[in-house]
Amino acid sequence: MIGGAAVVALATGRLAVGDNDVELAVHGLPPDRFGYFLMAADTSWIPVASGILCLAGPQFRLDSNILNSGPAGVVTLTVDLTNLPQGQTFAPGQTWLFQLWRRDGPSSNFSSNLAFTWQ
């Protein structure tokens, strides 16, 4: 939390794998912070640095780009379902989780996590 406001992850688009139409966003970040999205198929609750990592099992960095929250404190990432890390694929009926890991001053922190089941 930043100044009492939650750092919240959201998704827009359609969850049908064949549509390849999903965008992840995180709102409520401090301005000009760097981070990147992680993904995993399992959930956990692991204290790391100043936050909680909610992903378990093999974790994958969703995109090679480092994102910046800019002056508005928002990051977005359009997910290319045809180009997932390390040959991963999403299949209808599978649930995957996503979370932003970001620099937070001298430490690091996490957004809330997103979990959705692909159609």
C-alpha atoms as a PDB file:
ATOM      1  CA  MET A   1       0.000   0.000   0.000  1.00  0.00           C
ATOM      2  CA  ILE A   2       1.137   3.498  -0.796  1.00  0.00           C
ATOM      3  CA  GLY A   3      -0.243   6.276   1.381  1.00  0.00           C
ATOM      4  CA  GLY A   4      -3.262   4.111   2.244  1.00  0.00           C
ATOM      5  CA  ALA A   5      -4.094   3.276  -1.389  1.00  0.00           C
ATOM      6  CA  ALA A   6      -3.789  -0.270  -2.677  1.00  0.00           C
ATOM      7  CA  VAL A   7      -1.540  -1.132  -5.613  1.00  0.00           C
ATOM      8  CA  VAL A   8      -4.049  -3.038  -7.729  1.00  0.00           C
ATOM      9  CA  ALA A   9      -3.533  -5.228 -10.801  1.00  0.00           C
ATOM     10  CA  LEU A  10      -6.296  -5.349 -13.431  1.00  0.00           C
ATOM     11  CA  ALA A  11      -6.807  -7.097 -16.754  1.00  0.00           C
ATOM     12  CA  THR A  12      -8.823  -6.055 -19.783  1.00  0.00           C
ATOM     13  CA  GLY A  13      -9.674  -7.890 -22.973  1.00  0.00           C
ATOM     14  CA  ARG A  14     -11.016 -11.374 -23.635  1.00  0.00           C
ATOM     15  CA  LEU A  15      -9.798 -14.509 -21.884  1.00  0.00           C
ATOM     16  CA  ALA A  16     -10.213 -16.707 -24.970  1.00  0.00           C
ATOM     17  CA  VAL A  17      -6.717 -17.936 -25.840  1.00  0.00           C
ATOM     18  CA  GLY A  18      -7.434 -17.729 -29.579  1.00  0.00           C
ATOM     19  CA  ASP A  19      -8.363 -14.035 -29.338  1.00  0.00           C
ATOM     20  CA  ASN A  20      -4.899 -13.000 -28.087  1.00  0.00           C
ATOM     21  CA  ASP A  21      -6.486  -9.911 -26.523  1.00  0.00           C
ATOM     22  CA  VAL A  22      -5.357  -9.353 -22.922  1.00  0.00           C
ATOM     23  CA  GLU A  23      -3.777  -6.296 -21.347  1.00  0.00           C
ATOM     24  CA  LEU A  24      -2.478  -6.222 -17.777  1.00  0.00           C
ATOM     25  CA  ALA A  25      -2.363  -2.967 -15.810  1.00  0.00           C
ATOM     26  CA  VAL A  26      -1.310  -1.930 -12.336  1.00  0.00           C
ATOM     27  CA  HIS A  27      -2.630   1.291 -10.798  1.00  0.00           C
ATOM     28  CA  GLY A  28      -1.672   3.122  -7.606  1.00  0.00           C
ATOM     29  CA  LEU A  29       2.094   2.792  -7.973  1.00  0.00           C
ATOM     30  CA  PRO A  30       4.507   5.502  -6.886  1.00  0.00           C
ATOM     31  CA  PRO A  31       5.592   7.632  -9.854  1.00  0.00           C
ATOM     32  CA  ASP A  32       8.528   6.521 -11.980  1.00  0.00           C
ATOM     33  CA  ARG A  33       9.060   3.043 -10.510  1.00  0.00           C
ATOM     34  CA  PHE A  34      10.475   0.172 -12.520  1.00  0.00           C
ATOM     35  CA  GLY A  35       9.154  -3.380 -12.569  1.00  0.00           C
ATOM     36  CA  TYR A  36       8.071  -6.359 -14.621  1.00  0.00           C
ATOM     37  CA  PHE A  37       5.285  -8.948 -14.650  1.00  0.00           C
ATOM     38  CA  LEU A  38       5.735 -12.512 -13.465  1.00  0.00           C
ATOM     39  CA  MET A  39       3.406 -15.427 -14.178  1.00  0.00           C
ATOM     40  CA  ALA A  40       2.898 -18.880 -12.663  1.00  0.00           C
ATOM     41  CA  ALA A  41       0.313 -21.636 -12.638  1.00  0.00           C
ATOM     42  CA  ASP A  42       0.172 -21.981  -8.836  1.00  0.00           C
ATOM     43  CA  THR A  43      -0.463 -19.621  -5.946  1.00  0.00           C
ATOM     44  CA  SER A  44       1.504 -19.048  -2.767  1.00  0.00           C
ATOM     45  CA  TRP A  45       2.051 -16.494  -0.003  1.00  0.00           C
ATOM     46  CA  ILE A  46       5.796 -15.841   0.353  1.00  0.00           C
ATOM     47  CA  PRO A  47       7.197 -12.725   2.097  1.00  0.00           C
ATOM     48  CA  VAL A  48       9.860 -11.195  -0.172  1.00  0.00           C
ATOM     49  CA  ALA A  49      11.546  -7.853   0.526  1.00  0.00           C
ATOM     50  CA  SER A  50       8.714  -5.398   1.370  1.00  0.00           C
ATOM     51  CA  GLY A  51       5.859  -7.434  -0.099  1.00  0.00           C
ATOM     52  CA  ILE A  52       4.199 -10.782  -0.671  1.00  0.00           C
ATOM     53  CA  LEU A  53       4.905 -12.952  -3.699  1.00  0.00           C
ATOM     54  CA  CYS A  54       1.646 -14.749  -4.524  1.00  0.00           C
ATOM     55  CA  LEU A  55       3.070 -17.046  -7.224  1.00  0.00           C
ATOM     56  CA  ALA A  56       4.389 -20.590  -6.700  1.00  0.00           C
ATOM     57  CA  GLY A  57       5.950 -23.332  -8.734  1.00  0.00           C
ATOM     58  CA  PRO A  58       7.877 -22.390 -11.818  1.00  0.00           C
ATOM     59  CA  GLN A  59       7.654 -18.640 -12.252  1.00  0.00           C
ATOM     60  CA  PHE A  60       8.257 -16.940 -15.557  1.00  0.00           C
ATOM     61  CA  ARG A  61       9.018 -13.358 -16.407  1.00  0.00           C
ATOM     62  CA  LEU A  62       6.134 -12.511 -18.719  1.00  0.00           C
ATOM     63  CA  ASP A  63       7.972 -10.020 -20.921  1.00  0.00           C
ATOM     64  CA  SER A  64      11.613  -8.995 -21.267  1.00  0.00           C
ATOM     65  CA  ASN A  65      10.783  -5.279 -21.084  1.00  0.00           C
ATOM     66  CA  ILE A  66      11.305  -3.308 -17.883  1.00  0.00           C
ATOM     67  CA  LEU A  67       8.175  -1.218 -17.352  1.00  0.00           C
ATOM     68  CA  ASN A  68       8.013   2.253 -15.783  1.00  0.00           C
ATOM     69  CA  SER A  69       5.030   3.634 -13.881  1.00  0.00           C
ATOM     70  CA  GLY A  70       5.633   7.168 -15.201  1.00  0.00           C
ATOM     71  CA  PRO A  71       4.172  10.256 -13.527  1.00  0.00           C
ATOM     72  CA  ALA A  72       0.677   8.671 -13.297  1.00  0.00           C
ATOM     73  CA  GLY A  73       1.846   5.613 -11.312  1.00  0.00           C
ATOM     74  CA  VAL A  74       0.467   3.130 -13.867  1.00  0.00           C
ATOM     75  CA  VAL A  75       2.076   0.325 -15.863  1.00  0.00           C
ATOM     76  CA  THR A  76       0.425  -1.623 -18.666  1.00  0.00           C
ATOM     77  CA  LEU A  77       1.471  -4.629 -20.721  1.00  0.00           C
ATOM     78  CA  THR A  78      -0.274  -6.111 -23.736  1.00  0.00           C
ATOM     79  CA  VAL A  79       0.272  -9.860 -23.463  1.00  0.00           C
ATOM     80  CA  ASP A  80       1.234 -11.643 -26.677  1.00  0.00           C
ATOM     81  CA  LEU A  81      -0.181 -15.129 -26.145  1.00  0.00           C
ATOM     82  CA  THR A  82       1.738 -16.366 -29.198  1.00  0.00           C
ATOM     83  CA  ASN A  83       5.085 -15.409 -27.652  1.00  0.00           C
ATOM     84  CA  LEU A  84       5.100 -16.529 -24.009  1.00  0.00           C
ATOM     85  CA  PRO A  85       8.350 -17.118 -22.103  1.00  0.00           C
ATOM     86  CA  GLN A  86      10.235 -20.397 -22.358  1.00  0.00           C
ATOM     87  CA  GLY A  87       7.709 -21.969 -24.713  1.00  0.00           C
ATOM     88  CA  GLN A  88       4.818 -21.746 -22.248  1.00  0.00           C
ATOM     89  CA  THR A  89       1.290 -21.925 -23.618  1.00  0.00           C
ATOM     90  CA  PHE A  90      -2.123 -21.245 -22.150  1.00  0.00           C
ATOM     91  CA  ALA A  91      -4.873 -23.763 -22.818  1.00  0.00           C
ATOM     92  CA  PRO A  92      -8.609 -23.390 -22.228  1.00  0.00           C
ATOM     93  CA  GLY A  93      -9.452 -24.436 -18.670  1.00  0.00           C
ATOM     94  CA  GLN A  94      -6.002 -23.595 -17.255  1.00  0.00           C
ATOM     95  CA  THR A  95      -5.687 -20.971 -14.534  1.00  0.00           C
ATOM     96  CA  TRP A  96      -2.603 -18.755 -14.472  1.00  0.00           C
ATOM     97  CA  LEU A  97      -1.622 -15.962 -12.090  1.00  0.00           C
ATOM     98  CA  PHE A  98       0.145 -12.677 -12.823  1.00  0.00           C
ATOM     99  CA  GLN A  99       1.860 -10.206 -10.516  1.00  0.00           C
ATOM    100  CA  LEU A 100       4.017  -7.096 -10.946  1.00  0.00           C
ATOM    101  CA  TRP A 101       7.364  -7.082  -9.129  1.00  0.00           C
ATOM    102  CA  ARG A 102       8.678  -3.548  -8.756  1.00  0.00           C
ATOM    103  CA  ARG A 103      11.441  -1.491  -7.212  1.00  0.00           C
ATOM    104  CA  ASP A 104      10.228   0.309  -4.104  1.00  0.00           C
ATOM    105  CA  GLY A 105      12.938   2.662  -2.927  1.00  0.00           C
ATOM    106  CA  PRO A 106      15.884   0.607  -1.688  1.00  0.00           C
ATOM    107  CA  SER A 107      13.763  -2.569  -1.627  1.00  0.00           C
ATOM    108  CA  SER A 108      11.131  -4.191  -3.854  1.00  0.00           C
ATOM    109  CA  ASN A 109       7.423  -4.901  -3.592  1.00  0.00           C
ATOM    110  CA  PHE A 110       4.548  -6.558  -5.466  1.00  0.00           C
ATOM    111  CA  SER A 111       1.143  -5.637  -6.814  1.00  0.00           C
ATOM    112  CA  SER A 112      -1.933  -7.634  -5.979  1.00  0.00           C
ATOM    113  CA  ASN A 113      -2.102 -10.758  -8.113  1.00  0.00           C
ATOM    114  CA  LEU A 114      -4.446 -11.580 -10.961  1.00  0.00           C
ATOM    115  CA  ALA A 115      -5.727 -15.086 -11.505  1.00  0.00           C
ATOM    116  CA  PHE A 116      -7.898 -16.096 -14.406  1.00  0.00           C
ATOM    117  CA  THR A 117      -8.941 -19.222 -16.173  1.00  0.00           C
ATOM    118  CA  TRP A 118      -8.433 -19.217 -19.928  1.00  0.00           C
ATOM    119  CA  GLN A 119     -11.345 -20.052 -22.206  1.00  0.00           C
END
